[in-house]
Amino acid sequence: MRRVIYFICREDIGLLPPALSNLILLAEKGERIVLITYTISDSLRSNIEKYGIKIIICKNKIIRGNNIISKVARWCLFKPFVFSNIKHIQKKDLLWIATANSAIALGYKIINYKYILQINELYDKFRRYLILLPKFALNASAVIVPEENRAAIIRCWFKLNKTPYVLPNKPIYHPRYPDDQKVKILIGKELFQCMKSKKVIIYQGALTKAQKNIINIAEVVNSLTEWQLVIMTNQMESPLITEILKKNSNVILIPRIEPPDHLYITALARIGIAIYDYSDLNHVFCAPNKIWEYAGFGIPILGEDIPGLSNIINKYKNGICTDLNEREEILNAIIDIENNYEIVSKNSIELFESLNQNKIIAKIIDNII
């Protein structure tokens, strides 16, 4: 019989596009996959099962709440839940640990198994992770990160003998083309017509202090009669939203839409925004999946001038990185992108098509005996 890869994810995999993509890539490679997780939406479960993936979900109701008891339970119960479901694992089988939290929750017992460790963040502001993760990484058959500078940093920090594999956060689900009917179903005809009435600059994702320059972008876009800003986020109560709405009327807010359906909204944009700051290395060497989400539609990027963005955008010329703290710089970047739109859009598509994740996954898996 073929080996089994047990894909272990403590979090909701629907909220982790990189982990979800890797799960599907493994299935497409022809591997036998068992997903072990706490929770998954019915719609996503149905889509995943189409790939022949077996899904094991914890049935314990105590983990379902948002109170302190449920949060503690999600940490304490994960280890026995996982090990009870891999007790018949064979020597040829493999574990894929999808997140740092999954590894930490499993504990060092996991080093007795053959496993791949996926580290999605740098955690340079979280000392607990930097203390606990090196032992997991040193004993892994392979370590995977989403960005090349992160690979070098983690090798140095954790004293690894090999540089981790780099598997960028390109989504496996991508429609590539707009679907107006799908958008109407997702957000309604009225909002759809509003988005179609002007050119759209879109921001999608978290709204924390690291994204504070969205306020500057909102004010610049508000001054441009042919443009409108669309913000799609699960943080509708963010202080940044409150601040934007005080001064700007040319803004459309869309609550989070479950991936990959959110991409149908993305497809309506003419420019996509990527904002981070210099508050920590995790932001400086960011690895946002939104770069690839925009690129799949040929949408140019207006990005913060930090290495995690500029290294890619300057190489492929699929947008402009600038100082988003300066409104004049933002305006000039929008004008420049618009004046060269056909070329920059073409470059965006070339970026998307330049990466073959299947080859990277195959190299990682096939190098593990």
Protein backbone atom coordinates (compact mmCIF):
# COMPACT_ATOMS: atom_id res chain seq x y z
CA MET A 1 0.00 0.00 0.00
CA ARG A 2 1.03 3.61 -0.59
CA ARG A 3 2.22 5.72 2.29
CA VAL A 4 -0.19 7.99 4.12
CA ILE A 5 0.55 11.64 4.84
CA TYR A 6 -1.24 12.81 7.99
CA PHE A 7 -1.79 16.53 7.55
CA ILE A 8 -2.14 17.97 11.06
CA CYS A 9 -3.60 21.43 11.57
CA ARG A 10 -4.77 22.70 14.94
CA GLU A 11 -6.38 25.82 13.45
CA ASP A 12 -9.29 26.16 11.03
CA ILE A 13 -7.57 25.41 7.72
CA GLY A 14 -10.12 27.59 5.93
CA LEU A 15 -8.45 30.59 7.61
CA LEU A 16 -4.99 29.48 6.49
CA PRO A 17 -4.78 29.67 2.67
CA PRO A 18 -1.12 28.50 2.54
CA ALA A 19 -1.89 25.36 4.55
CA LEU A 20 -4.99 24.70 2.47
CA SER A 21 -3.01 25.05 -0.76
CA ASN A 22 -0.36 22.61 0.43
CA LEU A 23 -3.02 20.09 1.44
CA ILE A 24 -4.52 20.16 -2.05
CA LEU A 25 -1.11 20.08 -3.74
CA LEU A 26 -0.27 16.88 -1.88
CA ALA A 27 -3.54 15.31 -2.98
CA GLU A 28 -2.93 16.38 -6.59
CA LYS A 29 0.47 14.71 -6.41
CA GLY A 30 -1.36 11.46 -5.79
CA GLU A 31 -0.54 11.08 -2.10
CA ARG A 32 -2.97 9.43 0.31
CA ILE A 33 -3.92 12.23 2.69
CA VAL A 34 -5.63 12.26 6.08
CA LEU A 35 -6.45 15.72 7.45
CA ILE A 36 -6.60 15.84 11.25
CA THR A 37 -8.05 19.09 12.54
CA TYR A 38 -10.37 20.66 15.10
CA THR A 39 -12.84 22.32 12.77
CA ILE A 40 -13.74 22.92 9.14
CA SER A 41 -16.74 24.46 7.40
CA ASP A 42 -19.21 22.16 5.64
CA SER A 43 -18.61 23.79 2.25
CA LEU A 44 -14.83 23.52 2.52
CA ARG A 45 -15.06 19.96 3.78
CA SER A 46 -17.09 19.03 0.72
CA ASN A 47 -14.51 20.61 -1.60
CA ILE A 48 -11.58 18.93 0.13
CA GLU A 49 -13.19 15.51 0.09
CA LYS A 50 -13.49 15.74 -3.70
CA TYR A 51 -9.72 15.24 -3.79
CA GLY A 52 -10.04 11.93 -1.97
CA ILE A 53 -8.78 13.39 1.30
CA LYS A 54 -10.02 11.73 4.48
CA ILE A 55 -10.94 14.24 7.20
CA ILE A 56 -10.89 13.55 10.95
CA ILE A 57 -12.49 16.24 13.11
CA CYS A 58 -12.56 16.42 16.91
CA LYS A 59 -16.11 15.83 18.14
CA ASN A 60 -15.59 17.19 21.66
CA LYS A 61 -18.06 20.07 22.13
CA ILE A 62 -15.97 21.77 24.81
CA ILE A 63 -13.58 23.14 22.16
CA ARG A 64 -16.33 24.93 20.21
CA GLY A 65 -16.75 28.02 22.38
CA ASN A 66 -14.79 31.26 22.61
CA ASN A 67 -14.52 31.31 26.41
CA ILE A 68 -11.35 30.65 28.35
CA ILE A 69 -12.31 27.03 29.05
CA SER A 70 -12.68 26.28 25.34
CA LYS A 71 -9.42 28.02 24.51
CA VAL A 72 -7.51 26.01 27.12
CA ALA A 73 -9.25 22.83 25.95
CA ARG A 74 -8.17 23.43 22.37
CA TRP A 75 -4.55 23.37 23.53
CA CYS A 76 -4.82 20.51 26.01
CA LEU A 77 -6.97 18.13 23.98
CA PHE A 78 -5.17 18.46 20.66
CA LYS A 79 -2.26 16.19 21.58
CA PRO A 80 -4.31 13.15 22.71
CA PHE A 81 -6.76 13.73 19.84
CA VAL A 82 -4.00 13.58 17.22
CA PHE A 83 -1.99 10.71 18.71
CA SER A 84 -5.11 8.57 19.10
CA ASN A 85 -5.65 8.95 15.35
CA ILE A 86 -2.10 8.12 14.27
CA LYS A 87 -1.53 5.14 16.57
CA HIS A 88 -1.52 2.76 13.58
CA ILE A 89 0.94 4.84 11.57
CA GLN A 90 3.39 2.83 9.45
CA LYS A 91 7.12 3.40 9.09
CA LYS A 92 6.67 4.62 5.50
CA ASP A 93 4.02 7.17 6.52
CA LEU A 94 4.66 10.86 7.10
CA LEU A 95 3.29 13.70 9.21
CA TRP A 96 2.85 17.19 7.81
CA ILE A 97 2.69 19.68 10.70
CA ALA A 98 0.90 22.65 9.11
CA THR A 99 1.54 25.36 11.72
CA ALA A 100 3.83 26.24 14.61
CA ASN A 101 0.88 26.08 17.00
CA SER A 102 0.15 22.54 15.83
CA ALA A 103 3.72 21.47 16.61
CA ILE A 104 3.76 23.13 20.03
CA ALA A 105 0.40 21.62 20.97
CA LEU A 106 1.67 18.15 20.03
CA GLY A 107 4.80 18.53 22.13
CA TYR A 108 8.22 16.99 21.67
CA LYS A 109 6.74 13.49 21.46
CA ILE A 110 6.33 14.28 17.77
CA ILE A 111 10.11 14.15 17.18
CA ASN A 112 9.86 10.35 17.38
CA TYR A 113 7.98 10.44 14.07
CA LYS A 114 8.97 11.33 10.53
CA TYR A 115 7.50 14.75 9.81
CA ILE A 116 7.60 17.94 7.78
CA LEU A 117 7.31 21.21 9.68
CA GLN A 118 5.69 24.22 8.06
CA ILE A 119 6.61 27.54 9.71
CA ASN A 120 4.42 30.31 8.34
CA GLU A 121 5.68 33.26 10.42
CA LEU A 122 8.96 34.52 11.90
CA TYR A 123 7.56 35.11 15.42
CA ASP A 124 10.34 37.57 16.23
CA LYS A 125 8.04 39.35 18.71
CA PHE A 126 7.03 36.09 20.40
CA ARG A 127 9.87 34.69 22.48
CA ARG A 128 7.89 31.57 23.41
CA TYR A 129 7.89 30.40 19.80
CA LEU A 130 11.60 31.13 19.33
CA ILE A 131 12.39 29.02 22.40
CA LEU A 132 10.15 26.07 21.52
CA LEU A 133 10.37 25.82 17.72
CA PRO A 134 14.11 25.09 17.16
CA LYS A 135 13.90 21.53 18.54
CA PHE A 136 10.94 20.76 16.26
CA ALA A 137 12.82 22.21 13.27
CA LEU A 138 16.09 20.41 14.02
CA ASN A 139 14.35 17.04 14.13
CA ALA A 140 12.11 17.54 11.09
CA SER A 141 12.72 15.70 7.83
CA ALA A 142 12.08 19.03 6.11
CA VAL A 143 11.23 22.58 7.14
CA ILE A 144 9.12 24.79 4.88
CA VAL A 145 8.74 28.57 4.94
CA PRO A 146 6.98 30.92 2.50
CA GLU A 147 9.74 33.45 1.76
CA GLU A 148 13.46 33.20 0.97
CA ASN A 149 14.69 35.75 3.53
CA ARG A 150 12.69 33.95 6.21
CA ALA A 151 14.42 30.72 5.18
CA ALA A 152 17.85 32.27 5.77
CA ILE A 153 16.80 33.88 9.05
CA ILE A 154 15.29 30.67 10.45
CA ARG A 155 18.36 28.64 9.45
CA CYS A 156 20.51 31.13 11.35
CA TRP A 157 18.26 31.44 14.41
CA PHE A 158 17.58 27.71 14.78
CA LYS A 159 21.11 26.61 13.79
CA LEU A 160 19.81 24.31 11.07
CA ASN A 161 22.19 22.35 8.85
CA LYS A 162 20.08 23.07 5.77
CA THR A 163 18.19 26.10 4.57
CA PRO A 164 14.43 25.47 4.77
CA TYR A 165 12.52 24.91 1.56
CA VAL A 166 10.73 27.99 0.23
CA LEU A 167 7.14 27.40 -0.83
CA PRO A 168 5.50 30.78 -1.54
CA ASN A 169 1.91 31.45 -0.48
CA LYS A 170 0.37 31.14 -3.94
CA PRO A 171 -3.25 29.96 -3.66
CA ILE A 172 -4.13 26.64 -5.27
CA TYR A 173 -7.71 27.83 -5.77
CA HIS A 174 -7.79 30.74 -8.22
CA PRO A 175 -10.54 31.43 -10.76
CA ARG A 176 -8.17 33.58 -12.90
CA TYR A 177 -11.11 35.34 -14.58
CA PRO A 178 -13.97 37.55 -13.30
CA ASP A 179 -17.43 36.08 -12.76
CA ASP A 180 -19.99 38.88 -12.37
CA GLN A 181 -22.85 36.50 -11.62
CA LYS A 182 -20.90 34.93 -8.76
CA VAL A 183 -20.16 38.39 -7.34
CA LYS A 184 -23.84 39.33 -7.43
CA ILE A 185 -24.65 36.22 -5.40
CA LEU A 186 -21.91 36.99 -2.88
CA ILE A 187 -22.54 40.71 -2.25
CA GLY A 188 -25.83 41.53 -3.99
CA LYS A 189 -26.62 43.36 -7.23
CA GLU A 190 -26.66 46.84 -5.68
CA LEU A 191 -23.17 46.62 -4.19
CA PHE A 192 -21.92 44.96 -7.36
CA GLN A 193 -23.19 47.85 -9.48
CA CYS A 194 -21.57 50.30 -7.07
CA MET A 195 -18.20 48.57 -7.47
CA LYS A 196 -18.57 48.59 -11.26
CA SER A 197 -19.33 52.31 -11.36
CA LYS A 198 -15.71 53.38 -10.73
CA LYS A 199 -12.20 51.99 -10.91
CA VAL A 200 -11.48 49.94 -7.78
CA ILE A 201 -8.42 49.98 -5.57
CA ILE A 202 -8.85 47.06 -3.18
CA TYR A 203 -7.36 46.17 0.18
CA GLN A 204 -8.10 42.71 1.55
CA GLY A 205 -6.93 41.23 4.81
CA ALA A 206 -6.15 42.21 8.39
CA LEU A 207 -6.35 45.79 9.64
CA THR A 208 -3.88 46.25 12.49
CA LYS A 209 -1.37 48.97 13.35
CA ALA A 210 0.87 47.56 10.62
CA GLN A 211 -1.77 48.64 8.07
CA LYS A 212 -2.16 52.18 9.41
CA ASN A 213 -1.21 53.69 6.05
CA ILE A 214 -4.53 52.52 4.63
CA ILE A 215 -5.77 55.86 6.04
CA ASN A 216 -3.44 57.76 3.70
CA ILE A 217 -4.50 55.64 0.74
CA ALA A 218 -8.17 56.24 1.57
CA GLU A 219 -7.67 60.01 1.57
CA VAL A 220 -5.82 59.97 -1.76
CA VAL A 221 -8.44 57.76 -3.41
CA ASN A 222 -11.19 59.97 -1.98
CA SER A 223 -9.74 62.86 -3.99
CA LEU A 224 -9.87 60.91 -7.26
CA THR A 225 -13.34 61.09 -8.80
CA GLU A 226 -12.85 58.08 -11.08
CA TRP A 227 -11.63 55.78 -8.29
CA GLN A 228 -13.03 54.15 -5.16
CA LEU A 229 -11.46 52.20 -2.32
CA VAL A 230 -12.82 48.75 -1.44
CA ILE A 231 -11.81 47.18 1.87
CA MET A 232 -12.58 43.50 2.43
CA THR A 233 -11.76 42.39 5.96
CA ASN A 234 -12.92 40.37 8.96
CA GLN A 235 -12.06 43.34 11.20
CA MET A 236 -14.96 45.66 10.46
CA GLU A 237 -14.72 47.12 13.97
CA SER A 238 -11.07 48.10 13.52
CA PRO A 239 -10.21 51.65 14.67
CA LEU A 240 -8.71 52.13 11.22
CA ILE A 241 -12.15 51.65 9.65
CA THR A 242 -13.62 54.18 12.06
CA GLU A 243 -10.91 56.70 11.18
CA ILE A 244 -11.35 56.19 7.44
CA LEU A 245 -15.11 56.65 7.54
CA LYS A 246 -14.79 59.93 9.46
CA LYS A 247 -13.09 61.63 6.52
CA ASN A 248 -13.93 59.63 3.41
CA SER A 249 -17.17 58.77 1.67
CA ASN A 250 -15.63 57.05 -1.34
CA VAL A 251 -15.15 53.73 0.46
CA ILE A 252 -16.93 50.38 0.16
CA LEU A 253 -16.67 47.93 3.07
CA ILE A 254 -17.16 44.21 2.53
CA PRO A 255 -17.07 41.75 5.45
CA ARG A 256 -14.83 38.70 5.12
CA ILE A 257 -15.93 36.21 2.48
CA GLU A 258 -14.70 32.64 2.89
CA PRO A 259 -11.83 31.72 0.58
CA PRO A 260 -11.66 31.05 -2.27
CA ASP A 261 -14.94 32.88 -3.01
CA HIS A 262 -13.40 36.19 -1.89
CA LEU A 263 -11.33 36.11 -5.08
CA TYR A 264 -14.40 36.85 -7.16
CA ILE A 265 -14.54 40.21 -5.38
CA THR A 266 -10.81 40.71 -5.90
CA ALA A 267 -11.30 40.22 -9.64
CA LEU A 268 -13.22 43.52 -9.85
CA ALA A 269 -10.18 45.54 -8.76
CA ARG A 270 -7.85 47.52 -11.00
CA ILE A 271 -5.13 47.92 -8.37
CA GLY A 272 -4.46 45.80 -5.27
CA ILE A 273 -2.93 47.11 -2.04
CA ALA A 274 -0.29 45.40 0.13
CA ILE A 275 0.60 47.22 3.37
CA TYR A 276 3.09 46.28 6.08
CA ASP A 277 5.55 48.22 8.21
CA TYR A 278 8.94 48.00 9.93
CA SER A 279 7.56 47.05 13.35
CA ASP A 280 9.10 43.57 13.22
CA LEU A 281 10.93 41.21 10.86
CA ASN A 282 7.77 39.25 10.20
CA HIS A 283 6.36 42.35 8.50
CA VAL A 284 9.61 43.44 6.86
CA PHE A 285 10.01 40.02 5.24
CA CYS A 286 6.31 39.45 4.72
CA ALA A 287 4.96 36.66 2.52
CA PRO A 288 1.39 37.69 1.73
CA ASN A 289 -0.80 35.41 -0.35
CA LYS A 290 -2.57 38.55 -1.62
CA ILE A 291 0.40 39.22 -3.94
CA TRP A 292 -0.46 36.02 -5.77
CA GLU A 293 -4.21 36.58 -5.52
CA TYR A 294 -3.83 39.92 -7.29
CA ALA A 295 -1.33 38.57 -9.81
CA GLY A 296 -3.63 35.75 -10.91
CA PHE A 297 -6.03 38.36 -12.31
CA GLY A 298 -3.27 40.57 -13.71
CA ILE A 299 -3.94 43.19 -11.03
CA PRO A 300 -0.95 45.50 -10.37
CA ILE A 301 0.12 46.09 -6.77
CA LEU A 302 0.48 49.31 -4.82
CA GLY A 303 2.78 48.19 -2.02
CA GLU A 304 4.74 49.44 0.95
CA ASP A 305 8.45 49.80 0.23
CA ILE A 306 9.72 46.92 2.34
CA PRO A 307 11.89 43.95 1.23
CA GLY A 308 9.17 41.31 1.47
CA LEU A 309 7.21 43.19 -1.21
CA SER A 310 9.85 45.12 -3.15
CA ASN A 311 12.04 42.06 -3.81
CA ILE A 312 9.23 40.53 -5.86
CA ILE A 313 7.58 43.65 -7.27
CA ASN A 314 10.84 45.25 -8.41
CA LYS A 315 11.91 41.98 -10.04
CA TYR A 316 8.70 41.37 -11.99
CA LYS A 317 7.66 45.03 -12.32
CA ASN A 318 4.09 44.06 -11.48
CA GLY A 319 3.40 47.20 -9.47
CA ILE A 320 5.06 49.93 -7.46
CA CYS A 321 6.48 49.92 -3.95
CA THR A 322 6.62 53.34 -2.37
CA ASP A 323 6.40 55.17 0.95
CA LEU A 324 2.71 54.82 1.82
CA ASN A 325 3.20 57.31 4.61
CA GLU A 326 3.45 60.04 1.94
CA ARG A 327 0.21 60.88 0.13
CA GLU A 328 1.97 62.46 -2.82
CA GLU A 329 3.95 59.24 -3.32
CA ILE A 330 0.70 57.24 -3.26
CA LEU A 331 -0.89 59.51 -5.85
CA ASN A 332 2.15 59.35 -8.12
CA ALA A 333 2.22 55.56 -7.87
CA ILE A 334 -1.46 55.26 -8.83
CA ILE A 335 -0.94 57.58 -11.82
CA ASP A 336 2.19 55.68 -12.89
CA ILE A 337 0.45 52.30 -12.71
CA GLU A 338 -2.54 53.63 -14.65
CA ASN A 339 -0.35 55.17 -17.36
CA ASN A 340 1.47 51.85 -17.87
CA TYR A 341 -1.41 49.56 -17.01
CA GLU A 342 -1.24 47.09 -19.90
CA ILE A 343 2.45 46.34 -19.30
CA VAL A 344 2.20 46.13 -15.51
CA SER A 345 -0.87 43.90 -15.74
CA LYS A 346 0.93 41.57 -18.13
CA ASN A 347 3.87 41.42 -15.73
CA SER A 348 1.48 40.46 -12.92
CA ILE A 349 0.26 37.47 -14.89
CA GLU A 350 3.84 36.47 -15.66
CA LEU A 351 4.59 36.51 -11.92
CA PHE A 352 1.64 34.25 -11.19
CA GLU A 353 2.59 31.78 -13.90
CA SER A 354 6.29 31.78 -12.97
CA LEU A 355 5.78 29.60 -9.90
CA ASN A 356 5.12 25.87 -10.15
CA GLN A 357 4.19 24.74 -6.65
CA ASN A 358 3.70 21.15 -7.77
CA LYS A 359 7.39 20.86 -8.61
CA ILE A 360 8.41 22.28 -5.24
CA ILE A 361 6.08 19.94 -3.34
CA ALA A 362 7.34 16.96 -5.35
CA LYS A 363 10.95 17.89 -4.61
CA ILE A 364 10.27 18.17 -0.88
CA ILE A 365 8.31 14.92 -0.60
CA ASP A 366 10.49 12.85 -2.92
CA ASN A 367 13.64 13.82 -1.02
CA ILE A 368 12.23 12.23 2.13
CA ILE A 369 12.94 8.51 2.28
